[in-house]
Amino acid sequence: MFRLFDMLGRSTAMRALDDALRAAGLHPLLVPEPVKLTVIQLHKTHAAPTAQGTQFMDAAQLLAYCILGHEQFADSNCSEEAECADQRVEAALETGDSLDAKLILLTVHSGLISPEVADRIELDGSEG
């Protein structure tokens, strides 16, 4: 029995995001489909148009950093890329309404964020 998804195949955007996640050191199966779809939608509304092959590289790098944590991300990539991702997290926390901030918030709400990165983010559940 064929599933509709199998018959139609994965979208170009979903394949590009999966490739970018792999390149960032994170297996795409570790990221639930709804999270990927949200990343694609956020990217469409907030990111500048780029080449098809590289459109999700920045988002995938930040997602991988938030999910894997600094040390594991550095092991999968390099310490310079880990430092760059660390600076992006700091900048996103300061600005609060950027694409990076929304990607970080997505990892928080989906329960994917690493404890190491979550400890750096101040979340106060008592405020509404």
PDB file of N, CA and C in Angstrom:
ATOM      1  N   MET A   1       0.842  -1.173   0.000  1.00  0.00           N
ATOM      2  CA  MET A   1       0.000   0.000   0.000  1.00  0.00           C
ATOM      3  C   MET A   1       0.891   1.241   0.000  1.00  0.00           C
ATOM      4  N   PHE A   2       0.603   2.143  -0.894  1.00  0.00           N
ATOM      5  CA  PHE A   2       1.401   3.354  -1.011  1.00  0.00           C
ATOM      6  C   PHE A   2       0.815   4.464  -0.149  1.00  0.00           C
ATOM      7  N   ARG A   3       1.688   5.173   0.484  1.00  0.00           N
ATOM      8  CA  ARG A   3       1.257   6.375   1.195  1.00  0.00           C
ATOM      9  C   ARG A   3       1.304   7.531   0.214  1.00  0.00           C
ATOM     10  N   LEU A   4       0.436   8.480   0.385  1.00  0.00           N
ATOM     11  CA  LEU A   4       0.389   9.634  -0.499  1.00  0.00           C
ATOM     12  C   LEU A   4       1.741  10.349  -0.531  1.00  0.00           C
ATOM     13  N   PHE A   5       2.370  10.460   0.638  1.00  0.00           N
ATOM     14  CA  PHE A   5       3.659  11.140   0.724  1.00  0.00           C
ATOM     15  C   PHE A   5       4.702  10.424  -0.123  1.00  0.00           C
ATOM     16  N   ASP A   6       4.682   9.098  -0.109  1.00  0.00           N
ATOM     17  CA  ASP A   6       5.633   8.320  -0.895  1.00  0.00           C
ATOM     18  C   ASP A   6       5.388   8.490  -2.389  1.00  0.00           C
ATOM     19  N   MET A   7       4.133   8.590  -2.778  1.00  0.00           N
ATOM     20  CA  MET A   7       3.804   8.733  -4.199  1.00  0.00           C
ATOM     21  C   MET A   7       4.239  10.093  -4.731  1.00  0.00           C
ATOM     22  N   LEU A   8       4.047  11.112  -3.948  1.00  0.00           N
ATOM     23  CA  LEU A   8       4.372  12.454  -4.404  1.00  0.00           C
ATOM     24  C   LEU A   8       5.843  12.792  -4.195  1.00  0.00           C
ATOM     25  N   GLY A   9       6.472  12.149  -3.259  1.00  0.00           N
ATOM     26  CA  GLY A   9       7.870  12.438  -2.957  1.00  0.00           C
ATOM     27  C   GLY A   9       8.000  13.643  -2.054  1.00  0.00           C
ATOM     28  N   ARG A  10       9.197  13.853  -1.562  1.00  0.00           N
ATOM     29  CA  ARG A  10       9.454  14.969  -0.656  1.00  0.00           C
ATOM     30  C   ARG A  10       9.626  16.248  -1.468  1.00  0.00           C
ATOM     31  N   SER A  11       9.228  17.345  -0.890  1.00  0.00           N
ATOM     32  CA  SER A  11       9.368  18.622  -1.577  1.00  0.00           C
ATOM     33  C   SER A  11      10.845  18.979  -1.720  1.00  0.00           C
ATOM     34  N   THR A  12      11.107  19.849  -2.659  1.00  0.00           N
ATOM     35  CA  THR A  12      12.473  20.313  -2.871  1.00  0.00           C
ATOM     36  C   THR A  12      13.001  21.003  -1.617  1.00  0.00           C
ATOM     37  N   ALA A  13      12.156  21.794  -0.985  1.00  0.00           N
ATOM     38  CA  ALA A  13      12.566  22.498   0.232  1.00  0.00           C
ATOM     39  C   ALA A  13      12.892  21.515   1.353  1.00  0.00           C
ATOM     40  N   MET A  14      12.076  20.480   1.500  1.00  0.00           N
ATOM     41  CA  MET A  14      12.316  19.493   2.561  1.00  0.00           C
ATOM     42  C   MET A  14      13.620  18.736   2.290  1.00  0.00           C
ATOM     43  N   ARG A  15      13.870  18.379   1.051  1.00  0.00           N
ATOM     44  CA  ARG A  15      15.132  17.696   0.720  1.00  0.00           C
ATOM     45  C   ARG A  15      16.329  18.609   0.980  1.00  0.00           C
ATOM     46  N   ALA A  16      16.189  19.882   0.623  1.00  0.00           N
ATOM     47  CA  ALA A  16      17.279  20.834   0.855  1.00  0.00           C
ATOM     48  C   ALA A  16      17.543  21.008   2.349  1.00  0.00           C
ATOM     49  N   LEU A  17      16.483  21.073   3.148  1.00  0.00           N
ATOM     50  CA  LEU A  17      16.656  21.196   4.595  1.00  0.00           C
ATOM     51  C   LEU A  17      17.294  19.936   5.170  1.00  0.00           C
ATOM     52  N   ASP A  18      16.861  18.775   4.733  1.00  0.00           N
ATOM     53  CA  ASP A  18      17.473  17.520   5.190  1.00  0.00           C
ATOM     54  C   ASP A  18      18.963  17.480   4.864  1.00  0.00           C
ATOM     55  N   ASP A  19      19.314  17.907   3.656  1.00  0.00           N
ATOM     56  CA  ASP A  19      20.729  17.939   3.256  1.00  0.00           C
ATOM     57  C   ASP A  19      21.523  18.914   4.125  1.00  0.00           C
ATOM     58  N   ALA A  20      20.920  20.060   4.412  1.00  0.00           N
ATOM     59  CA  ALA A  20      21.597  21.060   5.242  1.00  0.00           C
ATOM     60  C   ALA A  20      21.770  20.554   6.673  1.00  0.00           C
ATOM     61  N   LEU A  21      20.764  19.846   7.193  1.00  0.00           N
ATOM     62  CA  LEU A  21      20.890  19.275   8.536  1.00  0.00           C
ATOM     63  C   LEU A  21      22.009  18.249   8.588  1.00  0.00           C
ATOM     64  N   ARG A  22      22.088  17.395   7.572  1.00  0.00           N
ATOM     65  CA  ARG A  22      23.179  16.407   7.510  1.00  0.00           C
ATOM     66  C   ARG A  22      24.533  17.101   7.487  1.00  0.00           C
ATOM     67  N   ALA A  23      24.638  18.146   6.664  1.00  0.00           N
ATOM     68  CA  ALA A  23      25.905  18.877   6.551  1.00  0.00           C
ATOM     69  C   ALA A  23      26.283  19.543   7.872  1.00  0.00           C
ATOM     70  N   ALA A  24      25.282  19.879   8.682  1.00  0.00           N
ATOM     71  CA  ALA A  24      25.534  20.515   9.983  1.00  0.00           C
ATOM     72  C   ALA A  24      25.807  19.491  11.078  1.00  0.00           C
ATOM     73  N   GLY A  25      25.772  18.207  10.744  1.00  0.00           N
ATOM     74  CA  GLY A  25      26.091  17.176  11.724  1.00  0.00           C
ATOM     75  C   GLY A  25      24.901  16.620  12.472  1.00  0.00           C
ATOM     76  N   LEU A  26      23.699  16.874  11.976  1.00  0.00           N
ATOM     77  CA  LEU A  26      22.481  16.407  12.637  1.00  0.00           C
ATOM     78  C   LEU A  26      21.683  15.558  11.653  1.00  0.00           C
ATOM     79  N   HIS A  27      21.417  14.314  12.014  1.00  0.00           N
ATOM     80  CA  HIS A  27      20.651  13.450  11.113  1.00  0.00           C
ATOM     81  C   HIS A  27      19.219  13.969  11.032  1.00  0.00           C
ATOM     82  N   PRO A  28      18.680  14.101   9.833  1.00  0.00           N
ATOM     83  CA  PRO A  28      17.333  14.650   9.657  1.00  0.00           C
ATOM     84  C   PRO A  28      16.233  13.875  10.383  1.00  0.00           C
ATOM     85  N   LEU A  29      16.435  12.592  10.618  1.00  0.00           N
ATOM     86  CA  LEU A  29      15.410  11.820  11.328  1.00  0.00           C
ATOM     87  C   LEU A  29      15.278  12.228  12.789  1.00  0.00           C
ATOM     88  N   LEU A  30      16.260  12.947  13.317  1.00  0.00           N
ATOM     89  CA  LEU A  30      16.196  13.427  14.692  1.00  0.00           C
ATOM     90  C   LEU A  30      15.328  14.675  14.831  1.00  0.00           C
ATOM     91  N   VAL A  31      14.933  15.240  13.699  1.00  0.00           N
ATOM     92  CA  VAL A  31      14.094  16.435  13.700  1.00  0.00           C
ATOM     93  C   VAL A  31      12.714  16.044  13.179  1.00  0.00           C
ATOM     94  N   PRO A  32      11.681  16.180  14.001  1.00  0.00           N
ATOM     95  CA  PRO A  32      10.334  15.803  13.562  1.00  0.00           C
ATOM     96  C   PRO A  32       9.873  16.616  12.345  1.00  0.00           C
ATOM     97  N   GLU A  33       9.044  16.005  11.527  1.00  0.00           N
ATOM     98  CA  GLU A  33       8.547  16.651  10.315  1.00  0.00           C
ATOM     99  C   GLU A  33       7.848  17.985  10.596  1.00  0.00           C
ATOM    100  N   PRO A  34       7.001  18.093  11.638  1.00  0.00           N
ATOM    101  CA  PRO A  34       6.373  19.396  11.890  1.00  0.00           C
ATOM    102  C   PRO A  34       7.389  20.507  12.178  1.00  0.00           C
ATOM    103  N   VAL A  35       8.487  20.156  12.828  1.00  0.00           N
ATOM    104  CA  VAL A  35       9.532  21.148  13.088  1.00  0.00           C
ATOM    105  C   VAL A  35      10.170  21.567  11.767  1.00  0.00           C
ATOM    106  N   LYS A  36      10.446  20.608  10.905  1.00  0.00           N
ATOM    107  CA  LYS A  36      11.030  20.937   9.599  1.00  0.00           C
ATOM    108  C   LYS A  36      10.095  21.828   8.794  1.00  0.00           C
ATOM    109  N   LEU A  37       8.806  21.499   8.796  1.00  0.00           N
ATOM    110  CA  LEU A  37       7.833  22.310   8.058  1.00  0.00           C
ATOM    111  C   LEU A  37       7.778  23.732   8.611  1.00  0.00           C
ATOM    112  N   THR A  38       7.889  23.865   9.920  1.00  0.00           N
ATOM    113  CA  THR A  38       7.901  25.191  10.531  1.00  0.00           C
ATOM    114  C   THR A  38       9.154  25.958  10.133  1.00  0.00           C
ATOM    115  N   VAL A  39      10.293  25.272  10.095  1.00  0.00           N
ATOM    116  CA  VAL A  39      11.542  25.916   9.668  1.00  0.00           C
ATOM    117  C   VAL A  39      11.398  26.419   8.234  1.00  0.00           C
ATOM    118  N   ILE A  40      10.827  25.608   7.375  1.00  0.00           N
ATOM    119  CA  ILE A  40      10.640  26.007   5.977  1.00  0.00           C
ATOM    120  C   ILE A  40       9.729  27.223   5.892  1.00  0.00           C
ATOM    121  N   GLN A  41       8.640  27.209   6.654  1.00  0.00           N
ATOM    122  CA  GLN A  41       7.708  28.345   6.642  1.00  0.00           C
ATOM    123  C   GLN A  41       8.368  29.607   7.200  1.00  0.00           C
ATOM    124  N   LEU A  42       9.097  29.479   8.307  1.00  0.00           N
ATOM    125  CA  LEU A  42       9.810  30.629   8.861  1.00  0.00           C
ATOM    126  C   LEU A  42      10.824  31.170   7.867  1.00  0.00           C
ATOM    127  N   HIS A  43      11.503  30.266   7.196  1.00  0.00           N
ATOM    128  CA  HIS A  43      12.507  30.667   6.226  1.00  0.00           C
ATOM    129  C   HIS A  43      11.878  31.427   5.072  1.00  0.00           C
ATOM    130  N   LYS A  44      10.719  30.977   4.635  1.00  0.00           N
ATOM    131  CA  LYS A  44      10.021  31.656   3.528  1.00  0.00           C
ATOM    132  C   LYS A  44       9.622  33.077   3.906  1.00  0.00           C
ATOM    133  N   THR A  45       9.233  33.280   5.159  1.00  0.00           N
ATOM    134  CA  THR A  45       8.744  34.594   5.555  1.00  0.00           C
ATOM    135  C   THR A  45       9.828  35.533   6.067  1.00  0.00           C
ATOM    136  N   HIS A  46      10.969  35.007   6.523  1.00  0.00           N
ATOM    137  CA  HIS A  46      11.970  35.862   7.153  1.00  0.00           C
ATOM    138  C   HIS A  46      13.319  35.927   6.453  1.00  0.00           C
ATOM    139  N   ALA A  47      13.673  34.922   5.704  1.00  0.00           N
ATOM    140  CA  ALA A  47      15.024  34.885   5.136  1.00  0.00           C
ATOM    141  C   ALA A  47      15.057  35.530   3.753  1.00  0.00           C
ATOM    142  N   ALA A  48      16.201  36.060   3.427  1.00  0.00           N
ATOM    143  CA  ALA A  48      16.407  36.622   2.095  1.00  0.00           C
ATOM    144  C   ALA A  48      16.537  35.489   1.087  1.00  0.00           C
ATOM    145  N   PRO A  49      16.102  35.707  -0.145  1.00  0.00           N
ATOM    146  CA  PRO A  49      16.232  34.656  -1.155  1.00  0.00           C
ATOM    147  C   PRO A  49      17.706  34.323  -1.411  1.00  0.00           C
ATOM    148  N   THR A  50      17.999  33.034  -1.472  1.00  0.00           N
ATOM    149  CA  THR A  50      19.362  32.570  -1.726  1.00  0.00           C
ATOM    150  C   THR A  50      19.322  31.433  -2.728  1.00  0.00           C
ATOM    151  N   ALA A  51      20.478  30.935  -3.072  1.00  0.00           N
ATOM    152  CA  ALA A  51      20.558  29.813  -4.000  1.00  0.00           C
ATOM    153  C   ALA A  51      19.872  28.589  -3.402  1.00  0.00           C
ATOM    154  N   GLN A  52      19.257  27.782  -4.240  1.00  0.00           N
ATOM    155  CA  GLN A  52      18.495  26.616  -3.795  1.00  0.00           C
ATOM    156  C   GLN A  52      19.322  25.681  -2.920  1.00  0.00           C
ATOM    157  N   GLY A  53      20.545  25.414  -3.287  1.00  0.00           N
ATOM    158  CA  GLY A  53      21.359  24.459  -2.553  1.00  0.00           C
ATOM    159  C   GLY A  53      21.795  24.926  -1.175  1.00  0.00           C
ATOM    160  N   THR A  54      21.817  26.245  -0.959  1.00  0.00           N
ATOM    161  CA  THR A  54      22.319  26.763   0.305  1.00  0.00           C
ATOM    162  C   THR A  54      21.255  27.493   1.120  1.00  0.00           C
ATOM    163  N   GLN A  55      20.011  27.386   0.714  1.00  0.00           N
ATOM    164  CA  GLN A  55      18.981  28.202   1.347  1.00  0.00           C
ATOM    165  C   GLN A  55      18.750  27.901   2.817  1.00  0.00           C
ATOM    166  N   PHE A  56      19.007  26.678   3.259  1.00  0.00           N
ATOM    167  CA  PHE A  56      18.732  26.324   4.644  1.00  0.00           C
ATOM    168  C   PHE A  56      19.988  26.093   5.476  1.00  0.00           C
ATOM    169  N   MET A  57      21.154  26.400   4.935  1.00  0.00           N
ATOM    170  CA  MET A  57      22.392  26.113   5.654  1.00  0.00           C
ATOM    171  C   MET A  57      22.481  26.854   6.990  1.00  0.00           C
ATOM    172  N   ASP A  58      22.164  28.131   7.003  1.00  0.00           N
ATOM    173  CA  ASP A  58      22.248  28.906   8.250  1.00  0.00           C
ATOM    174  C   ASP A  58      21.260  28.388   9.285  1.00  0.00           C
ATOM    175  N   ALA A  59      20.038  28.119   8.850  1.00  0.00           N
ATOM    176  CA  ALA A  59      19.024  27.607   9.779  1.00  0.00           C
ATOM    177  C   ALA A  59      19.441  26.243  10.319  1.00  0.00           C
ATOM    178  N   ALA A  60      19.956  25.391   9.460  1.00  0.00           N
ATOM    179  CA  ALA A  60      20.368  24.046   9.878  1.00  0.00           C
ATOM    180  C   ALA A  60      21.527  24.113  10.863  1.00  0.00           C
ATOM    181  N   GLN A  61      22.455  25.027  10.642  1.00  0.00           N
ATOM    182  CA  GLN A  61      23.584  25.183  11.563  1.00  0.00           C
ATOM    183  C   GLN A  61      23.086  25.563  12.956  1.00  0.00           C
ATOM    184  N   LEU A  62      22.163  26.520  13.027  1.00  0.00           N
ATOM    185  CA  LEU A  62      21.652  26.953  14.321  1.00  0.00           C
ATOM    186  C   LEU A  62      20.808  25.864  14.970  1.00  0.00           C
ATOM    187  N   LEU A  63      19.977  25.176  14.190  1.00  0.00           N
ATOM    188  CA  LEU A  63      19.185  24.076  14.741  1.00  0.00           C
ATOM    189  C   LEU A  63      20.088  22.985  15.297  1.00  0.00           C
ATOM    190  N   ALA A  64      21.104  22.620  14.540  1.00  0.00           N
ATOM    191  CA  ALA A  64      22.027  21.573  14.988  1.00  0.00           C
ATOM    192  C   ALA A  64      22.727  21.992  16.275  1.00  0.00           C
ATOM    193  N   TYR A  65      23.135  23.241  16.345  1.00  0.00           N
ATOM    194  CA  TYR A  65      23.794  23.741  17.552  1.00  0.00           C
ATOM    195  C   TYR A  65      22.853  23.657  18.752  1.00  0.00           C
ATOM    196  N   CYS A  66      21.614  24.115  18.566  1.00  0.00           N
ATOM    197  CA  CYS A  66      20.646  24.107  19.673  1.00  0.00           C
ATOM    198  C   CYS A  66      20.277  22.693  20.104  1.00  0.00           C
ATOM    199  N   ILE A  67      20.208  21.775  19.168  1.00  0.00           N
ATOM    200  CA  ILE A  67      19.804  20.404  19.487  1.00  0.00           C
ATOM    201  C   ILE A  67      20.969  19.583  20.036  1.00  0.00           C
ATOM    202  N   LEU A  68      22.131  19.743  19.451  1.00  0.00           N
ATOM    203  CA  LEU A  68      23.287  18.942  19.866  1.00  0.00           C
ATOM    204  C   LEU A  68      24.018  19.523  21.069  1.00  0.00           C
ATOM    205  N   GLY A  69      24.002  20.822  21.226  1.00  0.00           N
ATOM    206  CA  GLY A  69      24.797  21.475  22.256  1.00  0.00           C
ATOM    207  C   GLY A  69      26.162  21.838  21.711  1.00  0.00           C
ATOM    208  N   HIS A  70      26.859  22.700  22.432  1.00  0.00           N
ATOM    209  CA  HIS A  70      28.134  23.249  21.959  1.00  0.00           C
ATOM    210  C   HIS A  70      29.178  22.168  21.675  1.00  0.00           C
ATOM    211  N   GLU A  71      29.415  21.303  22.640  1.00  0.00           N
ATOM    212  CA  GLU A  71      30.492  20.311  22.507  1.00  0.00           C
ATOM    213  C   GLU A  71      30.242  19.328  21.370  1.00  0.00           C
ATOM    214  N   GLN A  72      29.048  18.761  21.327  1.00  0.00           N
ATOM    215  CA  GLN A  72      28.750  17.777  20.283  1.00  0.00           C
ATOM    216  C   GLN A  72      28.715  18.447  18.906  1.00  0.00           C
ATOM    217  N   PHE A  73      28.223  19.685  18.843  1.00  0.00           N
ATOM    218  CA  PHE A  73      28.225  20.418  17.583  1.00  0.00           C
ATOM    219  C   PHE A  73      29.663  20.665  17.126  1.00  0.00           C
ATOM    220  N   ALA A  74      30.524  21.063  18.060  1.00  0.00           N
ATOM    221  CA  ALA A  74      31.928  21.298  17.720  1.00  0.00           C
ATOM    222  C   ALA A  74      32.602  20.010  17.257  1.00  0.00           C
ATOM    223  N   ASP A  75      32.245  18.881  17.856  1.00  0.00           N
ATOM    224  CA  ASP A  75      32.803  17.600  17.429  1.00  0.00           C
ATOM    225  C   ASP A  75      32.361  17.233  16.016  1.00  0.00           C
ATOM    226  N   SER A  76      31.127  17.565  15.678  1.00  0.00           N
ATOM    227  CA  SER A  76      30.588  17.245  14.353  1.00  0.00           C
ATOM    228  C   SER A  76      31.051  18.222  13.291  1.00  0.00           C
ATOM    229  N   ASN A  77      31.362  19.430  13.677  1.00  0.00           N
ATOM    230  CA  ASN A  77      31.754  20.466  12.730  1.00  0.00           C
ATOM    231  C   ASN A  77      33.176  20.915  13.048  1.00  0.00           C
ATOM    232  N   CYS A  78      33.325  22.083  13.597  1.00  0.00           N
ATOM    233  CA  CYS A  78      34.627  22.557  14.068  1.00  0.00           C
ATOM    234  C   CYS A  78      34.376  23.598  15.146  1.00  0.00           C
ATOM    235  N   SER A  79      35.397  23.913  15.898  1.00  0.00           N
ATOM    236  CA  SER A  79      35.228  24.842  17.015  1.00  0.00           C
ATOM    237  C   SER A  79      34.870  26.247  16.532  1.00  0.00           C
ATOM    238  N   GLU A  80      35.361  26.641  15.339  1.00  0.00           N
ATOM    239  CA  GLU A  80      35.023  27.959  14.806  1.00  0.00           C
ATOM    240  C   GLU A  80      33.540  28.058  14.481  1.00  0.00           C
ATOM    241  N   GLU A  81      32.978  27.009  13.888  1.00  0.00           N
ATOM    242  CA  GLU A  81      31.548  27.010  13.581  1.00  0.00           C
ATOM    243  C   GLU A  81      30.726  26.985  14.865  1.00  0.00           C
ATOM    244  N   ALA A  82      31.200  26.279  15.873  1.00  0.00           N
ATOM    245  CA  ALA A  82      30.500  26.252  17.157  1.00  0.00           C
ATOM    246  C   ALA A  82      30.511  27.635  17.795  1.00  0.00           C
ATOM    247  N   GLU A  83      31.627  28.334  17.719  1.00  0.00           N
ATOM    248  CA  GLU A  83      31.706  29.687  18.263  1.00  0.00           C
ATOM    249  C   GLU A  83      30.795  30.634  17.496  1.00  0.00           C
ATOM    250  N   CYS A  84      30.733  30.475  16.184  1.00  0.00           N
ATOM    251  CA  CYS A  84      29.845  31.298  15.362  1.00  0.00           C
ATOM    252  C   CYS A  84      28.386  31.056  15.753  1.00  0.00           C
ATOM    253  N   ALA A  85      28.010  29.802  15.923  1.00  0.00           N
ATOM    254  CA  ALA A  85      26.640  29.471  16.336  1.00  0.00           C
ATOM    255  C   ALA A  85      26.361  30.013  17.731  1.00  0.00           C
ATOM    256  N   ASP A  86      27.351  29.947  18.605  1.00  0.00           N
ATOM    257  CA  ASP A  86      27.209  30.476  19.959  1.00  0.00           C
ATOM    258  C   ASP A  86      26.945  31.978  19.918  1.00  0.00           C
ATOM    259  N   GLN A  87      27.657  32.683  19.067  1.00  0.00           N
ATOM    260  CA  GLN A  87      27.448  34.119  18.918  1.00  0.00           C
ATOM    261  C   GLN A  87      26.071  34.418  18.337  1.00  0.00           C
ATOM    262  N   ARG A  88      25.599  33.563  17.427  1.00  0.00           N
ATOM    263  CA  ARG A  88      24.256  33.745  16.871  1.00  0.00           C
ATOM    264  C   ARG A  88      23.192  33.587  17.951  1.00  0.00           C
ATOM    265  N   VAL A  89      23.393  32.631  18.854  1.00  0.00           N
ATOM    266  CA  VAL A  89      22.447  32.449  19.957  1.00  0.00           C
ATOM    267  C   VAL A  89      22.439  33.696  20.834  1.00  0.00           C
ATOM    268  N   GLU A  90      23.612  34.198  21.179  1.00  0.00           N
ATOM    269  CA  GLU A  90      23.695  35.406  22.004  1.00  0.00           C
ATOM    270  C   GLU A  90      23.015  36.590  21.330  1.00  0.00           C
ATOM    271  N   ALA A  91      23.276  36.779  20.042  1.00  0.00           N
ATOM    272  CA  ALA A  91      22.666  37.887  19.309  1.00  0.00           C
ATOM    273  C   ALA A  91      21.150  37.725  19.231  1.00  0.00           C
ATOM    274  N   ALA A  92      20.687  36.511  19.031  1.00  0.00           N
ATOM    275  CA  ALA A  92      19.248  36.257  18.950  1.00  0.00           C
ATOM    276  C   ALA A  92      18.571  36.540  20.287  1.00  0.00           C
ATOM    277  N   LEU A  93      19.242  36.209  21.376  1.00  0.00           N
ATOM    278  CA  LEU A  93      18.674  36.465  22.694  1.00  0.00           C
ATOM    279  C   LEU A  93      18.586  37.965  22.972  1.00  0.00           C
ATOM    280  N   GLU A  94      19.508  38.727  22.404  1.00  0.00           N
ATOM    281  CA  GLU A  94      19.490  40.173  22.591  1.00  0.00           C
ATOM    282  C   GLU A  94      18.417  40.840  21.744  1.00  0.00           C
ATOM    283  N   THR A  95      18.277  40.416  20.485  1.00  0.00           N
ATOM    284  CA  THR A  95      17.314  41.063  19.591  1.00  0.00           C
ATOM    285  C   THR A  95      15.894  40.574  19.847  1.00  0.00           C
ATOM    286  N   GLY A  96      15.723  39.283  20.012  1.00  0.00           N
ATOM    287  CA  GLY A  96      14.437  38.729  20.396  1.00  0.00           C
ATOM    288  C   GLY A  96      13.426  38.479  19.295  1.00  0.00           C
ATOM    289  N   ASP A  97      13.507  39.138  18.149  1.00  0.00           N
ATOM    290  CA  ASP A  97      12.494  38.942  17.125  1.00  0.00           C
ATOM    291  C   ASP A  97      13.103  38.671  15.751  1.00  0.00           C
ATOM    292  N   SER A  98      14.200  37.971  15.736  1.00  0.00           N
ATOM    293  CA  SER A  98      14.858  37.642  14.478  1.00  0.00           C
ATOM    294  C   SER A  98      14.514  36.210  14.074  1.00  0.00           C
ATOM    295  N   LEU A  99      14.909  35.844  12.882  1.00  0.00           N
ATOM    296  CA  LEU A  99      14.720  34.465  12.431  1.00  0.00           C
ATOM    297  C   LEU A  99      15.458  33.511  13.364  1.00  0.00           C
ATOM    298  N   ASP A 100      16.671  33.861  13.752  1.00  0.00           N
ATOM    299  CA  ASP A 100      17.432  33.012  14.679  1.00  0.00           C
ATOM    300  C   ASP A 100      16.692  32.838  16.001  1.00  0.00           C
ATOM    301  N   ALA A 101      16.126  33.915  16.528  1.00  0.00           N
ATOM    302  CA  ALA A 101      15.385  33.827  17.791  1.00  0.00           C
ATOM    303  C   ALA A 101      14.178  32.897  17.645  1.00  0.00           C
ATOM    304  N   LYS A 102      13.519  32.974  16.505  1.00  0.00           N
ATOM    305  CA  LYS A 102      12.357  32.105  16.278  1.00  0.00           C
ATOM    306  C   LYS A 102      12.769  30.646  16.127  1.00  0.00           C
ATOM    307  N   LEU A 103      13.924  30.407  15.517  1.00  0.00           N
ATOM    308  CA  LEU A 103      14.420  29.032  15.397  1.00  0.00           C
ATOM    309  C   LEU A 103      14.789  28.468  16.773  1.00  0.00           C
ATOM    310  N   ILE A 104      15.400  29.288  17.600  1.00  0.00           N
ATOM    311  CA  ILE A 104      15.746  28.852  18.950  1.00  0.00           C
ATOM    312  C   ILE A 104      14.472  28.554  19.737  1.00  0.00           C
ATOM    313  N   LEU A 105      13.498  29.438  19.636  1.00  0.00           N
ATOM    314  CA  LEU A 105      12.224  29.234  20.318  1.00  0.00           C
ATOM    315  C   LEU A 105      11.530  27.959  19.825  1.00  0.00           C
ATOM    316  N   LEU A 106      11.657  27.675  18.554  1.00  0.00           N
ATOM    317  CA  LEU A 106      11.091  26.446  17.991  1.00  0.00           C
ATOM    318  C   LEU A 106      11.718  25.214  18.645  1.00  0.00           C
ATOM    319  N   THR A 107      13.024  25.230  18.845  1.00  0.00           N
ATOM    320  CA  THR A 107      13.662  24.076  19.493  1.00  0.00           C
ATOM    321  C   THR A 107      13.237  23.959  20.952  1.00  0.00           C
ATOM    322  N   VAL A 108      12.984  25.094  21.582  1.00  0.00           N
ATOM    323  CA  VAL A 108      12.509  25.070  22.972  1.00  0.00           C
ATOM    324  C   VAL A 108      11.117  24.453  23.037  1.00  0.00           C
ATOM    325  N   HIS A 109      10.196  24.975  22.232  1.00  0.00           N
ATOM    326  CA  HIS A 109       8.805  24.516  22.281  1.00  0.00           C
ATOM    327  C   HIS A 109       8.616  23.091  21.786  1.00  0.00           C
ATOM    328  N   SER A 110       9.501  22.635  20.932  1.00  0.00           N
ATOM    329  CA  SER A 110       9.389  21.261  20.439  1.00  0.00           C
ATOM    330  C   SER A 110      10.096  20.267  21.356  1.00  0.00           C
ATOM    331  N   GLY A 111      10.772  20.764  22.376  1.00  0.00           N
ATOM    332  CA  GLY A 111      11.460  19.895  23.318  1.00  0.00           C
ATOM    333  C   GLY A 111      12.755  19.314  22.778  1.00  0.00           C
ATOM    334  N   LEU A 112      13.293  19.920  21.732  1.00  0.00           N
ATOM    335  CA  LEU A 112      14.515  19.405  21.114  1.00  0.00           C
ATOM    336  C   LEU A 112      15.784  20.076  21.626  1.00  0.00           C
ATOM    337  N   ILE A 113      15.658  21.182  22.304  1.00  0.00           N
ATOM    338  CA  ILE A 113      16.833  21.953  22.701  1.00  0.00           C
ATOM    339  C   ILE A 113      17.672  21.158  23.705  1.00  0.00           C
ATOM    340  N   SER A 114      18.978  21.255  23.543  1.00  0.00           N
ATOM    341  CA  SER A 114      19.871  20.552  24.468  1.00  0.00           C
ATOM    342  C   SER A 114      19.819  21.245  25.826  1.00  0.00           C
ATOM    343  N   PRO A 115      20.006  20.480  26.892  1.00  0.00           N
ATOM    344  CA  PRO A 115      19.999  21.093  28.235  1.00  0.00           C
ATOM    345  C   PRO A 115      21.063  22.179  28.372  1.00  0.00           C
ATOM    346  N   GLU A 116      22.199  21.985  27.732  1.00  0.00           N
ATOM    347  CA  GLU A 116      23.287  22.959  27.801  1.00  0.00           C
ATOM    348  C   GLU A 116      22.862  24.309  27.235  1.00  0.00           C
ATOM    349  N   VAL A 117      22.190  24.299  26.095  1.00  0.00           N
ATOM    350  CA  VAL A 117      21.742  25.543  25.475  1.00  0.00           C
ATOM    351  C   VAL A 117      20.533  26.092  26.222  1.00  0.00           C
ATOM    352  N   ALA A 118      19.663  25.221  26.678  1.00  0.00           N
ATOM    353  CA  ALA A 118      18.470  25.661  27.406  1.00  0.00           C
ATOM    354  C   ALA A 118      18.842  26.401  28.683  1.00  0.00           C
ATOM    355  N   ASP A 119      19.926  25.993  29.324  1.00  0.00           N
ATOM    356  CA  ASP A 119      20.366  26.655  30.551  1.00  0.00           C
ATOM    357  C   ASP A 119      20.760  28.109  30.303  1.00  0.00           C
ATOM    358  N   ARG A 120      21.161  28.415  29.082  1.00  0.00           N
ATOM    359  CA  ARG A 120      21.577  29.778  28.755  1.00  0.00           C
ATOM    360  C   ARG A 120      20.392  30.686  28.457  1.00  0.00           C
ATOM    361  N   ILE A 121      19.245  30.109  28.209  1.00  0.00           N
ATOM    362  CA  ILE A 121      18.078  30.891  27.840  1.00  0.00           C
ATOM    363  C   ILE A 121      17.205  31.081  29.075  1.00  0.00           C
ATOM    364  N   GLU A 122      16.928  32.326  29.393  1.00  0.00           N
ATOM    365  CA  GLU A 122      16.094  32.602  30.551  1.00  0.00           C
ATOM    366  C   GLU A 122      14.640  32.543  30.134  1.00  0.00           C
ATOM    367  N   LEU A 123      13.937  31.553  30.648  1.00  0.00           N
ATOM    368  CA  LEU A 123      12.507  31.429  30.375  1.00  0.00           C
ATOM    369  C   LEU A 123      11.780  31.511  31.699  1.00  0.00           C
ATOM    370  N   ASP A 124      10.906  32.468  31.803  1.00  0.00           N
ATOM    371  CA  ASP A 124      10.145  32.646  33.034  1.00  0.00           C
ATOM    372  C   ASP A 124       8.693  32.285  32.742  1.00  0.00           C
ATOM    373  N   GLY A 125       8.264  31.101  33.167  1.00  0.00           N
ATOM    374  CA  GLY A 125       6.920  30.626  32.906  1.00  0.00           C
ATOM    375  C   GLY A 125       5.857  31.345  33.691  1.00  0.00           C
ATOM    376  N   SER A 126       6.235  32.178  34.677  1.00  0.00           N
ATOM    377  CA  SER A 126       5.236  32.847  35.488  1.00  0.00           C
ATOM    378  C   SER A 126       4.676  34.094  34.810  1.00  0.00           C
ATOM    379  N   GLU A 127       5.372  34.600  33.785  1.00  0.00           N
ATOM    380  CA  GLU A 127       4.865  35.780  33.098  1.00  0.00           C
ATOM    381  C   GLU A 127       3.931  35.361  31.984  1.00  0.00           C
ATOM    382  N   GLY A 128       2.921  36.124  31.686  1.00  0.00           N
ATOM    383  CA  GLY A 128       1.958  35.760  30.669  1.00  0.00           C
ATOM    384  C   GLY A 128       1.933  36.728  29.637  1.00  0.00           C
TER     385      GLY A 128
END
